[in-house]
Amino acid sequence: MHETGLVRELVRRIAHAVHEAGANGVSDVHVWMGALVPFSLEHFREHFEEEVRGTPVEGAALHIESSDDIDDTNAQHVILKRISLRVPPDEQDGP
């Protein structure tokens, strides 16, 4: 299934960003889906929920923006627009 590989790679990229930033996890993931992506938003969401289990992305809210423009140069793509990281509090700040 193409969508499984696509979502798995997306989650891998997000988890890498979490690690690189020294974050605790992710609170929000924002993606854009082109009009010609060959699966539904609901199907994408289901795969996302499966793939994030046991990763730093688990528990993140998925926000999907979709396009109806079949002439958009990215009409066949899913694009990661933004993630919101959960960053640990600075230890110097105290409780």
PDB file of N, CA and C in Angstrom:
ATOM      1  N   MET A   1       0.833  -1.186   0.000  1.00  0.00           N
ATOM      2  CA  MET A   1       0.000   0.000   0.000  1.00  0.00           C
ATOM      3  C   MET A   1       0.876   1.248   0.000  1.00  0.00           C
ATOM      4  N   HIS A   2       0.646   2.060  -0.991  1.00  0.00           N
ATOM      5  CA  HIS A   2       1.432   3.280  -1.162  1.00  0.00           C
ATOM      6  C   HIS A   2       1.276   4.219   0.028  1.00  0.00           C
ATOM      7  N   GLU A   3       0.059   4.339   0.535  1.00  0.00           N
ATOM      8  CA  GLU A   3      -0.167   5.288   1.627  1.00  0.00           C
ATOM      9  C   GLU A   3       0.561   4.881   2.902  1.00  0.00           C
ATOM     10  N   THR A   4       0.701   3.566   3.136  1.00  0.00           N
ATOM     11  CA  THR A   4       1.430   3.115   4.325  1.00  0.00           C
ATOM     12  C   THR A   4       2.876   3.589   4.275  1.00  0.00           C
ATOM     13  N   GLY A   5       3.533   3.409   3.149  1.00  0.00           N
ATOM     14  CA  GLY A   5       4.914   3.855   2.999  1.00  0.00           C
ATOM     15  C   GLY A   5       5.044   5.360   3.109  1.00  0.00           C
ATOM     16  N   LEU A   6       4.109   6.063   2.527  1.00  0.00           N
ATOM     17  CA  LEU A   6       4.122   7.524   2.577  1.00  0.00           C
ATOM     18  C   LEU A   6       3.984   8.017   4.010  1.00  0.00           C
ATOM     19  N   VAL A   7       3.023   7.462   4.739  1.00  0.00           N
ATOM     20  CA  VAL A   7       2.794   7.881   6.126  1.00  0.00           C
ATOM     21  C   VAL A   7       3.961   7.454   7.006  1.00  0.00           C
ATOM     22  N   ARG A   8       4.484   6.262   6.779  1.00  0.00           N
ATOM     23  CA  ARG A   8       5.628   5.785   7.567  1.00  0.00           C
ATOM     24  C   ARG A   8       6.818   6.726   7.404  1.00  0.00           C
ATOM     25  N   GLU A   9       7.090   7.167   6.184  1.00  0.00           N
ATOM     26  CA  GLU A   9       8.198   8.094   5.932  1.00  0.00           C
ATOM     27  C   GLU A   9       7.932   9.451   6.586  1.00  0.00           C
ATOM     28  N   LEU A  10       6.704   9.914   6.530  1.00  0.00           N
ATOM     29  CA  LEU A  10       6.329  11.172   7.177  1.00  0.00           C
ATOM     30  C   LEU A  10       6.588  11.092   8.678  1.00  0.00           C
ATOM     31  N   VAL A  11       6.147  10.019   9.317  1.00  0.00           N
ATOM     32  CA  VAL A  11       6.340   9.839  10.762  1.00  0.00           C
ATOM     33  C   VAL A  11       7.828   9.726  11.084  1.00  0.00           C
ATOM     34  N   ARG A  12       8.584   9.046  10.234  1.00  0.00           N
ATOM     35  CA  ARG A  12      10.030   8.925  10.446  1.00  0.00           C
ATOM     36  C   ARG A  12      10.689  10.305  10.421  1.00  0.00           C
ATOM     37  N   ARG A  13      10.298  11.136   9.469  1.00  0.00           N
ATOM     38  CA  ARG A  13      10.866  12.488   9.372  1.00  0.00           C
ATOM     39  C   ARG A  13      10.513  13.329  10.591  1.00  0.00           C
ATOM     40  N   ILE A  14       9.275  13.212  11.058  1.00  0.00           N
ATOM     41  CA  ILE A  14       8.851  13.981  12.229  1.00  0.00           C
ATOM     42  C   ILE A  14       9.599  13.501  13.470  1.00  0.00           C
ATOM     43  N   ALA A  15       9.709  12.186  13.649  1.00  0.00           N
ATOM     44  CA  ALA A  15      10.423  11.632  14.804  1.00  0.00           C
ATOM     45  C   ALA A  15      11.888  12.078  14.791  1.00  0.00           C
ATOM     46  N   HIS A  16      12.481  12.154  13.615  1.00  0.00           N
ATOM     47  CA  HIS A  16      13.862  12.629  13.500  1.00  0.00           C
ATOM     48  C   HIS A  16      13.963  14.091  13.954  1.00  0.00           C
ATOM     49  N   ALA A  17      12.996  14.908  13.559  1.00  0.00           N
ATOM     50  CA  ALA A  17      12.981  16.319  13.975  1.00  0.00           C
ATOM     51  C   ALA A  17      12.849  16.439  15.487  1.00  0.00           C
ATOM     52  N   VAL A  18      12.028  15.577  16.090  1.00  0.00           N
ATOM     53  CA  VAL A  18      11.872  15.566  17.552  1.00  0.00           C
ATOM     54  C   VAL A  18      13.215  15.272  18.206  1.00  0.00           C
ATOM     55  N   HIS A  19      13.887  14.254  17.715  1.00  0.00           N
ATOM     56  CA  HIS A  19      15.192  13.861  18.265  1.00  0.00           C
ATOM     57  C   HIS A  19      16.215  14.990  18.106  1.00  0.00           C
ATOM     58  N   GLU A  20      16.285  15.561  16.908  1.00  0.00           N
ATOM     59  CA  GLU A  20      17.255  16.628  16.634  1.00  0.00           C
ATOM     60  C   GLU A  20      17.027  17.857  17.515  1.00  0.00           C
ATOM     61  N   ALA A  21      15.768  18.145  17.829  1.00  0.00           N
ATOM     62  CA  ALA A  21      15.438  19.324  18.636  1.00  0.00           C
ATOM     63  C   ALA A  21      15.532  19.053  20.132  1.00  0.00           C
ATOM     64  N   GLY A  22      15.707  17.793  20.520  1.00  0.00           N
ATOM     65  CA  GLY A  22      15.724  17.459  21.938  1.00  0.00           C
ATOM     66  C   GLY A  22      14.357  17.625  22.577  1.00  0.00           C
ATOM     67  N   ALA A  23      13.317  17.459  21.777  1.00  0.00           N
ATOM     68  CA  ALA A  23      11.946  17.642  22.263  1.00  0.00           C
ATOM     69  C   ALA A  23      11.424  16.359  22.910  1.00  0.00           C
ATOM     70  N   ASN A  24      10.316  16.495  23.638  1.00  0.00           N
ATOM     71  CA  ASN A  24       9.665  15.345  24.279  1.00  0.00           C
ATOM     72  C   ASN A  24       8.717  14.629  23.340  1.00  0.00           C
ATOM     73  N   GLY A  25       8.236  15.320  22.347  1.00  0.00           N
ATOM     74  CA  GLY A  25       7.257  14.756  21.432  1.00  0.00           C
ATOM     75  C   GLY A  25       6.666  15.850  20.570  1.00  0.00           C
ATOM     76  N   VAL A  26       5.502  15.543  20.019  1.00  0.00           N
ATOM     77  CA  VAL A  26       4.831  16.445  19.087  1.00  0.00           C
ATOM     78  C   VAL A  26       3.400  16.653  19.554  1.00  0.00           C
ATOM     79  N   SER A  27       2.943  17.889  19.550  1.00  0.00           N
ATOM     80  CA  SER A  27       1.547  18.143  19.915  1.00  0.00           C
ATOM     81  C   SER A  27       0.651  18.259  18.687  1.00  0.00           C
ATOM     82  N   ASP A  28       1.183  18.782  17.578  1.00  0.00           N
ATOM     83  CA  ASP A  28       0.381  18.975  16.369  1.00  0.00           C
ATOM     84  C   ASP A  28       1.203  18.699  15.116  1.00  0.00           C
ATOM     85  N   VAL A  29       0.550  18.091  14.131  1.00  0.00           N
ATOM     86  CA  VAL A  29       1.138  17.861  12.816  1.00  0.00           C
ATOM     87  C   VAL A  29       0.177  18.448  11.787  1.00  0.00           C
ATOM     88  N   HIS A  30       0.702  19.308  10.914  1.00  0.00           N
ATOM     89  CA  HIS A  30      -0.111  19.939   9.870  1.00  0.00           C
ATOM     90  C   HIS A  30       0.396  19.465   8.511  1.00  0.00           C
ATOM     91  N   VAL A  31      -0.497  18.867   7.722  1.00  0.00           N
ATOM     92  CA  VAL A  31      -0.137  18.420   6.384  1.00  0.00           C
ATOM     93  C   VAL A  31      -1.093  19.021   5.363  1.00  0.00           C
ATOM     94  N   TRP A  32      -0.621  19.083   4.132  1.00  0.00           N
ATOM     95  CA  TRP A  32      -1.419  19.531   2.996  1.00  0.00           C
ATOM     96  C   TRP A  32      -1.520  18.364   2.036  1.00  0.00           C
ATOM     97  N   MET A  33      -2.742  18.057   1.575  1.00  0.00           N
ATOM     98  CA  MET A  33      -2.955  16.958   0.630  1.00  0.00           C
ATOM     99  C   MET A  33      -3.479  17.511  -0.682  1.00  0.00           C
ATOM    100  N   GLY A  34      -2.796  17.144  -1.758  1.00  0.00           N
ATOM    101  CA  GLY A  34      -3.210  17.579  -3.082  1.00  0.00           C
ATOM    102  C   GLY A  34      -4.485  16.894  -3.545  1.00  0.00           C
ATOM    103  N   ALA A  35      -5.121  17.487  -4.536  1.00  0.00           N
ATOM    104  CA  ALA A  35      -6.406  16.999  -5.040  1.00  0.00           C
ATOM    105  C   ALA A  35      -6.310  15.628  -5.695  1.00  0.00           C
ATOM    106  N   LEU A  36      -5.147  15.250  -6.189  1.00  0.00           N
ATOM    107  CA  LEU A  36      -4.998  13.981  -6.897  1.00  0.00           C
ATOM    108  C   LEU A  36      -4.331  12.893  -6.068  1.00  0.00           C
ATOM    109  N   VAL A  37      -4.221  13.095  -4.774  1.00  0.00           N
ATOM    110  CA  VAL A  37      -3.688  12.052  -3.894  1.00  0.00           C
ATOM    111  C   VAL A  37      -4.676  10.883  -3.952  1.00  0.00           C
ATOM    112  N   PRO A  38      -4.186   9.656  -4.181  1.00  0.00           N
ATOM    113  CA  PRO A  38      -5.091   8.533  -4.457  1.00  0.00           C
ATOM    114  C   PRO A  38      -5.720   7.865  -3.234  1.00  0.00           C
ATOM    115  N   PHE A  39      -5.915   8.587  -2.163  1.00  0.00           N
ATOM    116  CA  PHE A  39      -6.599   8.035  -0.997  1.00  0.00           C
ATOM    117  C   PHE A  39      -7.296   9.159  -0.252  1.00  0.00           C
ATOM    118  N   SER A  40      -8.278   8.790   0.548  1.00  0.00           N
ATOM    119  CA  SER A  40      -9.092   9.789   1.248  1.00  0.00           C
ATOM    120  C   SER A  40      -8.372  10.341   2.476  1.00  0.00           C
ATOM    121  N   LEU A  41      -8.856  11.472   2.940  1.00  0.00           N
ATOM    122  CA  LEU A  41      -8.328  12.066   4.166  1.00  0.00           C
ATOM    123  C   LEU A  41      -8.514  11.112   5.333  1.00  0.00           C
ATOM    124  N   GLU A  42      -9.670  10.450   5.396  1.00  0.00           N
ATOM    125  CA  GLU A  42      -9.953   9.514   6.482  1.00  0.00           C
ATOM    126  C   GLU A  42      -8.987   8.336   6.455  1.00  0.00           C
ATOM    127  N   HIS A  43      -8.700   7.836   5.252  1.00  0.00           N
ATOM    128  CA  HIS A  43      -7.768   6.714   5.115  1.00  0.00           C
ATOM    129  C   HIS A  43      -6.358   7.141   5.542  1.00  0.00           C
ATOM    130  N   PHE A  44      -5.960   8.337   5.156  1.00  0.00           N
ATOM    131  CA  PHE A  44      -4.661   8.867   5.564  1.00  0.00           C
ATOM    132  C   PHE A  44      -4.589   8.977   7.082  1.00  0.00           C
ATOM    133  N   ARG A  45      -5.657   9.487   7.683  1.00  0.00           N
ATOM    134  CA  ARG A  45      -5.710   9.647   9.140  1.00  0.00           C
ATOM    135  C   ARG A  45      -5.582   8.290   9.842  1.00  0.00           C
ATOM    136  N   GLU A  46      -6.266   7.267   9.331  1.00  0.00           N
ATOM    137  CA  GLU A  46      -6.176   5.921   9.913  1.00  0.00           C
ATOM    138  C   GLU A  46      -4.742   5.405   9.871  1.00  0.00           C
ATOM    139  N   HIS A  47      -4.089   5.552   8.730  1.00  0.00           N
ATOM    140  CA  HIS A  47      -2.699   5.100   8.613  1.00  0.00           C
ATOM    141  C   HIS A  47      -1.785   5.896   9.539  1.00  0.00           C
ATOM    142  N   PHE A  48      -2.027   7.182   9.663  1.00  0.00           N
ATOM    143  CA  PHE A  48      -1.229   8.021  10.552  1.00  0.00           C
ATOM    144  C   PHE A  48      -1.341   7.512  11.984  1.00  0.00           C
ATOM    145  N   GLU A  49      -2.557   7.258  12.451  1.00  0.00           N
ATOM    146  CA  GLU A  49      -2.772   6.772  13.821  1.00  0.00           C
ATOM    147  C   GLU A  49      -2.063   5.441  14.056  1.00  0.00           C
ATOM    148  N   GLU A  50      -2.050   4.569  13.060  1.00  0.00           N
ATOM    149  CA  GLU A  50      -1.345   3.287  13.186  1.00  0.00           C
ATOM    150  C   GLU A  50       0.164   3.491  13.263  1.00  0.00           C
ATOM    151  N   GLU A  51       0.690   4.330  12.392  1.00  0.00           N
ATOM    152  CA  GLU A  51       2.143   4.498  12.284  1.00  0.00           C
ATOM    153  C   GLU A  51       2.768   5.254  13.450  1.00  0.00           C
ATOM    154  N   VAL A  52       2.013   6.117  14.138  1.00  0.00           N
ATOM    155  CA  VAL A  52       2.607   6.898  15.227  1.00  0.00           C
ATOM    156  C   VAL A  52       2.692   6.118  16.532  1.00  0.00           C
ATOM    157  N   ARG A  53       2.002   4.994  16.629  1.00  0.00           N
ATOM    158  CA  ARG A  53       2.031   4.217  17.879  1.00  0.00           C
ATOM    159  C   ARG A  53       3.465   3.856  18.255  1.00  0.00           C
ATOM    160  N   GLY A  54       3.817   4.175  19.500  1.00  0.00           N
ATOM    161  CA  GLY A  54       5.145   3.841  20.004  1.00  0.00           C
ATOM    162  C   GLY A  54       6.248   4.777  19.534  1.00  0.00           C
ATOM    163  N   THR A  55       5.884   5.884  18.898  1.00  0.00           N
ATOM    164  CA  THR A  55       6.880   6.856  18.431  1.00  0.00           C
ATOM    165  C   THR A  55       6.700   8.167  19.191  1.00  0.00           C
ATOM    166  N   PRO A  56       7.654   9.082  19.074  1.00  0.00           N
ATOM    167  CA  PRO A  56       7.501  10.390  19.718  1.00  0.00           C
ATOM    168  C   PRO A  56       6.340  11.205  19.141  1.00  0.00           C
ATOM    169  N   VAL A  57       5.767  10.738  18.054  1.00  0.00           N
ATOM    170  CA  VAL A  57       4.668  11.450  17.402  1.00  0.00           C
ATOM    171  C   VAL A  57       3.310  11.006  17.963  1.00  0.00           C
ATOM    172  N   GLU A  58       3.308   9.913  18.713  1.00  0.00           N
ATOM    173  CA  GLU A  58       2.051   9.397  19.267  1.00  0.00           C
ATOM    174  C   GLU A  58       1.371  10.467  20.120  1.00  0.00           C
ATOM    175  N   GLY A  59       0.083  10.631  19.932  1.00  0.00           N
ATOM    176  CA  GLY A  59      -0.690  11.616  20.679  1.00  0.00           C
ATOM    177  C   GLY A  59      -0.808  12.964  19.994  1.00  0.00           C
ATOM    178  N   ALA A  60      -0.080  13.157  18.902  1.00  0.00           N
ATOM    179  CA  ALA A  60      -0.147  14.433  18.182  1.00  0.00           C
ATOM    180  C   ALA A  60      -1.480  14.561  17.456  1.00  0.00           C
ATOM    181  N   ALA A  61      -2.018  15.757  17.458  1.00  0.00           N
ATOM    182  CA  ALA A  61      -3.230  16.041  16.688  1.00  0.00           C
ATOM    183  C   ALA A  61      -2.835  16.235  15.227  1.00  0.00           C
ATOM    184  N   LEU A  62      -3.537  15.545  14.337  1.00  0.00           N
ATOM    185  CA  LEU A  62      -3.267  15.654  12.906  1.00  0.00           C
ATOM    186  C   LEU A  62      -4.245  16.644  12.284  1.00  0.00           C
ATOM    187  N   HIS A  63      -3.708  17.665  11.631  1.00  0.00           N
ATOM    188  CA  HIS A  63      -4.514  18.674  10.951  1.00  0.00           C
ATOM    189  C   HIS A  63      -4.249  18.536   9.452  1.00  0.00           C
ATOM    190  N   ILE A  64      -5.302  18.283   8.688  1.00  0.00           N
ATOM    191  CA  ILE A  64      -5.150  18.068   7.252  1.00  0.00           C
ATOM    192  C   ILE A  64      -5.843  19.191   6.486  1.00  0.00           C
ATOM    193  N   GLU A  65      -5.074  19.842   5.648  1.00  0.00           N
ATOM    194  CA  GLU A  65      -5.618  20.826   4.711  1.00  0.00           C
ATOM    195  C   GLU A  65      -5.629  20.149   3.345  1.00  0.00           C
ATOM    196  N   SER A  66      -6.745  20.188   2.656  1.00  0.00           N
ATOM    197  CA  SER A  66      -6.804  19.544   1.348  1.00  0.00           C
ATOM    198  C   SER A  66      -7.073  20.575   0.263  1.00  0.00           C
ATOM    199  N   SER A  67      -6.635  20.241  -0.934  1.00  0.00           N
ATOM    200  CA  SER A  67      -6.803  21.119  -2.083  1.00  0.00           C
ATOM    201  C   SER A  67      -7.749  20.468  -3.086  1.00  0.00           C
ATOM    202  N   ASP A  68      -8.491  21.284  -3.801  1.00  0.00           N
ATOM    203  CA  ASP A  68      -9.352  20.817  -4.884  1.00  0.00           C
ATOM    204  C   ASP A  68      -8.757  21.153  -6.253  1.00  0.00           C
ATOM    205  N   ASP A  69      -7.579  21.759  -6.250  1.00  0.00           N
ATOM    206  CA  ASP A  69      -6.957  22.243  -7.482  1.00  0.00           C
ATOM    207  C   ASP A  69      -6.160  21.130  -8.161  1.00  0.00           C
ATOM    208  N   ILE A  70      -6.745  20.514  -9.186  1.00  0.00           N
ATOM    209  CA  ILE A  70      -6.060  19.414  -9.873  1.00  0.00           C
ATOM    210  C   ILE A  70      -4.897  19.909 -10.726  1.00  0.00           C
ATOM    211  N   ASP A  71      -4.810  21.206 -10.963  1.00  0.00           N
ATOM    212  CA  ASP A  71      -3.717  21.771 -11.754  1.00  0.00           C
ATOM    213  C   ASP A  71      -2.537  22.227 -10.898  1.00  0.00           C
ATOM    214  N   ASP A  72      -2.661  22.136  -9.587  1.00  0.00           N
ATOM    215  CA  ASP A  72      -1.560  22.501  -8.692  1.00  0.00           C
ATOM    216  C   ASP A  72      -0.380  21.576  -8.976  1.00  0.00           C
ATOM    217  N   THR A  73       0.828  22.125  -8.977  1.00  0.00           N
ATOM    218  CA  THR A  73       2.012  21.306  -9.258  1.00  0.00           C
ATOM    219  C   THR A  73       2.223  20.212  -8.213  1.00  0.00           C
ATOM    220  N   ASN A  74       1.627  20.358  -7.038  1.00  0.00           N
ATOM    221  CA  ASN A  74       1.746  19.353  -5.980  1.00  0.00           C
ATOM    222  C   ASN A  74       0.457  18.553  -5.792  1.00  0.00           C
ATOM    223  N   ALA A  75      -0.390  18.516  -6.806  1.00  0.00           N
ATOM    224  CA  ALA A  75      -1.701  17.872  -6.684  1.00  0.00           C
ATOM    225  C   ALA A  75      -1.614  16.391  -6.329  1.00  0.00           C
ATOM    226  N   GLN A  76      -0.489  15.736  -6.603  1.00  0.00           N
ATOM    227  CA  GLN A  76      -0.337  14.313  -6.309  1.00  0.00           C
ATOM    228  C   GLN A  76       0.460  14.057  -5.034  1.00  0.00           C
ATOM    229  N   HIS A  77       0.682  15.087  -4.249  1.00  0.00           N
ATOM    230  CA  HIS A  77       1.571  14.967  -3.097  1.00  0.00           C
ATOM    231  C   HIS A  77       0.889  15.283  -1.767  1.00  0.00           C
ATOM    232  N   VAL A  78       1.497  14.740  -0.713  1.00  0.00           N
ATOM    233  CA  VAL A  78       1.167  15.118   0.662  1.00  0.00           C
ATOM    234  C   VAL A  78       2.387  15.867   1.178  1.00  0.00           C
ATOM    235  N   ILE A  79       2.183  17.061   1.701  1.00  0.00           N
ATOM    236  CA  ILE A  79       3.290  17.913   2.135  1.00  0.00           C
ATOM    237  C   ILE A  79       3.167  18.196   3.628  1.00  0.00           C
ATOM    238  N   LEU A  80       4.256  17.954   4.342  1.00  0.00           N
ATOM    239  CA  LEU A  80       4.324  18.312   5.758  1.00  0.00           C
ATOM    240  C   LEU A  80       4.522  19.819   5.839  1.00  0.00           C
ATOM    241  N   LYS A  81       3.540  20.504   6.402  1.00  0.00           N
ATOM    242  CA  LYS A  81       3.609  21.967   6.483  1.00  0.00           C
ATOM    243  C   LYS A  81       4.252  22.439   7.773  1.00  0.00           C
ATOM    244  N   ARG A  82       3.867  21.811   8.889  1.00  0.00           N
ATOM    245  CA  ARG A  82       4.339  22.320  10.188  1.00  0.00           C
ATOM    246  C   ARG A  82       4.127  21.263  11.259  1.00  0.00           C
ATOM    247  N   ILE A  83       5.024  21.264  12.236  1.00  0.00           N
ATOM    248  CA  ILE A  83       4.835  20.456  13.441  1.00  0.00           C
ATOM    249  C   ILE A  83       5.047  21.351  14.654  1.00  0.00           C
ATOM    250  N   SER A  84       4.345  21.039  15.715  1.00  0.00           N
ATOM    251  CA  SER A  84       4.535  21.740  16.989  1.00  0.00           C
ATOM    252  C   SER A  84       5.172  20.757  17.951  1.00  0.00           C
ATOM    253  N   LEU A  85       6.373  21.080  18.387  1.00  0.00           N
ATOM    254  CA  LEU A  85       7.124  20.197  19.274  1.00  0.00           C
ATOM    255  C   LEU A  85       6.800  20.479  20.730  1.00  0.00           C
ATOM    256  N   ARG A  86       6.816  19.418  21.532  1.00  0.00           N
ATOM    257  CA  ARG A  86       6.725  19.569  22.989  1.00  0.00           C
ATOM    258  C   ARG A  86       8.168  19.594  23.498  1.00  0.00           C
ATOM    259  N   VAL A  87       8.574  20.746  23.977  1.00  0.00           N
ATOM    260  CA  VAL A  87       9.956  20.946  24.415  1.00  0.00           C
ATOM    261  C   VAL A  87      10.005  20.885  25.930  1.00  0.00           C
ATOM    262  N   PRO A  88      10.991  20.153  26.484  1.00  0.00           N
ATOM    263  CA  PRO A  88      11.087  20.090  27.944  1.00  0.00           C
ATOM    264  C   PRO A  88      11.398  21.463  28.524  1.00  0.00           C
ATOM    265  N   PRO A  89      10.856  21.744  29.706  1.00  0.00           N
ATOM    266  CA  PRO A  89      11.160  23.033  30.331  1.00  0.00           C
ATOM    267  C   PRO A  89      12.653  23.138  30.632  1.00  0.00           C
ATOM    268  N   ASP A  90      13.153  24.346  30.580  1.00  0.00           N
ATOM    269  CA  ASP A  90      14.561  24.589  30.878  1.00  0.00           C
ATOM    270  C   ASP A  90      14.813  24.242  32.339  1.00  0.00           C
ATOM    271  N   GLU A  91      15.784  23.394  32.588  1.00  0.00           N
ATOM    272  CA  GLU A  91      16.065  22.949  33.958  1.00  0.00           C
ATOM    273  C   GLU A  91      16.495  24.104  34.863  1.00  0.00           C
ATOM    274  N   GLN A  92      17.006  25.176  34.280  1.00  0.00           N
ATOM    275  CA  GLN A  92      17.444  26.310  35.092  1.00  0.00           C
ATOM    276  C   GLN A  92      16.270  27.150  35.585  1.00  0.00           C
ATOM    277  N   ASP A  93      15.114  27.001  34.941  1.00  0.00           N
ATOM    278  CA  ASP A  93      13.955  27.794  35.336  1.00  0.00           C
ATOM    279  C   ASP A  93      13.351  27.323  36.649  1.00  0.00           C
ATOM    280  N   GLY A  94      13.616  26.097  37.029  1.00  0.00           N
ATOM    281  CA  GLY A  94      13.047  25.566  38.268  1.00  0.00           C
ATOM    282  C   GLY A  94      11.601  25.173  38.090  1.00  0.00           C
ATOM    283  N   PRO A  95      10.928  24.753  39.178  1.00  0.00           N
ATOM    284  CA  PRO A  95       9.545  24.283  39.068  1.00  0.00           C
ATOM    285  C   PRO A  95       8.556  25.381  38.798  1.00  0.00           C
TER     286      PRO A  95
END
